[in-house]
Amino acid sequence: MNKKIQIKEDIKKLSFEEALSELEGIVERLERGDIDLEDSISIYERGVASVSYTHLRAHETEADLVCRLLLEK
């Protein structure tokens, strides 16, 4: 089953670098393990959305660069 990830508008407003930095912070918080289960789930879900967003942005950038290179030829 393929579940579609909903990316919140506040995440979409972040630059790639900001989203990546937030994701690193999420990983650090989850690895520490000092938060309750409900907060962990919420933070994890935001992390999944951040990963999806950074992945999407990276692919968009790659596609843009490929198009530019092809147009230069």
Protein backbone atom coordinates (compact mmCIF):
# COMPACT_ATOMS: atom_id res chain seq x y z
CA MET A 1 0.00 0.00 0.00
CA ASN A 2 1.36 3.39 -1.00
CA LYS A 3 0.47 6.07 1.58
CA LYS A 4 0.68 9.66 0.39
CA ILE A 5 2.56 11.94 2.78
CA GLN A 6 0.94 15.29 3.50
CA ILE A 7 3.55 18.04 3.73
CA LYS A 8 2.41 20.90 5.94
CA GLU A 9 2.55 24.43 4.57
CA ASP A 10 5.08 25.55 7.19
CA ILE A 11 7.48 22.86 6.01
CA LYS A 12 6.96 23.90 2.38
CA LYS A 13 8.09 27.44 3.28
CA LEU A 14 11.47 26.20 4.51
CA SER A 15 14.54 26.21 2.33
CA PHE A 16 16.19 22.86 1.69
CA GLU A 17 18.88 23.69 4.24
CA GLU A 18 16.34 24.75 6.89
CA ALA A 19 14.29 21.58 6.40
CA LEU A 20 17.43 19.45 6.62
CA SER A 21 18.50 21.22 9.80
CA GLU A 22 15.06 20.68 11.33
CA LEU A 23 15.24 17.03 10.38
CA GLU A 24 18.61 16.68 12.10
CA GLY A 25 17.08 18.21 15.24
CA ILE A 26 14.19 15.76 15.09
CA VAL A 27 16.57 12.81 14.80
CA GLU A 28 18.58 14.07 17.80
CA ARG A 29 15.42 14.44 19.93
CA LEU A 30 14.18 10.98 19.02
CA GLU A 31 17.59 9.38 19.64
CA ARG A 32 17.79 10.94 23.12
CA GLY A 33 14.57 9.15 24.02
CA ASP A 34 13.61 11.61 26.74
CA ILE A 35 10.16 12.48 25.34
CA ASP A 36 6.89 10.64 25.85
CA LEU A 37 5.38 8.32 23.26
CA GLU A 38 2.70 10.74 22.02
CA ASP A 39 5.25 13.50 21.40
CA SER A 40 7.61 10.98 19.79
CA ILE A 41 4.92 9.97 17.31
CA SER A 42 4.12 13.58 16.49
CA ILE A 43 7.80 14.45 16.05
CA TYR A 44 8.35 11.32 13.95
CA GLU A 45 5.45 12.26 11.64
CA ARG A 46 6.92 15.73 11.16
CA GLY A 47 10.27 14.12 10.43
CA VAL A 48 8.70 11.91 7.75
CA ALA A 49 7.13 14.99 6.16
CA SER A 50 10.49 16.81 6.31
CA VAL A 51 12.26 13.87 4.67
CA SER A 52 9.62 13.79 1.92
CA TYR A 53 9.98 17.51 1.37
CA THR A 54 13.79 17.50 1.21
CA HIS A 55 13.67 14.49 -1.12
CA LEU A 56 11.20 16.30 -3.37
CA ARG A 57 13.29 19.49 -3.40
CA ALA A 58 16.45 17.53 -4.24
CA HIS A 59 14.72 15.83 -7.17
CA GLU A 60 13.31 19.15 -8.40
CA THR A 61 16.79 20.67 -8.29
CA GLU A 62 18.27 17.69 -10.10
CA ALA A 63 15.60 17.88 -12.81
CA ASP A 64 16.19 21.61 -13.21
CA LEU A 65 19.93 21.09 -13.61
CA VAL A 66 19.45 18.30 -16.16
CA CYS A 67 17.10 20.50 -18.19
CA ARG A 68 19.56 23.38 -18.11
CA LEU A 69 22.41 21.14 -19.22
CA LEU A 70 20.34 19.71 -22.06
CA LEU A 71 19.32 23.18 -23.22
CA GLU A 72 22.96 24.29 -23.31
CA LYS A 73 23.86 21.57 -25.83
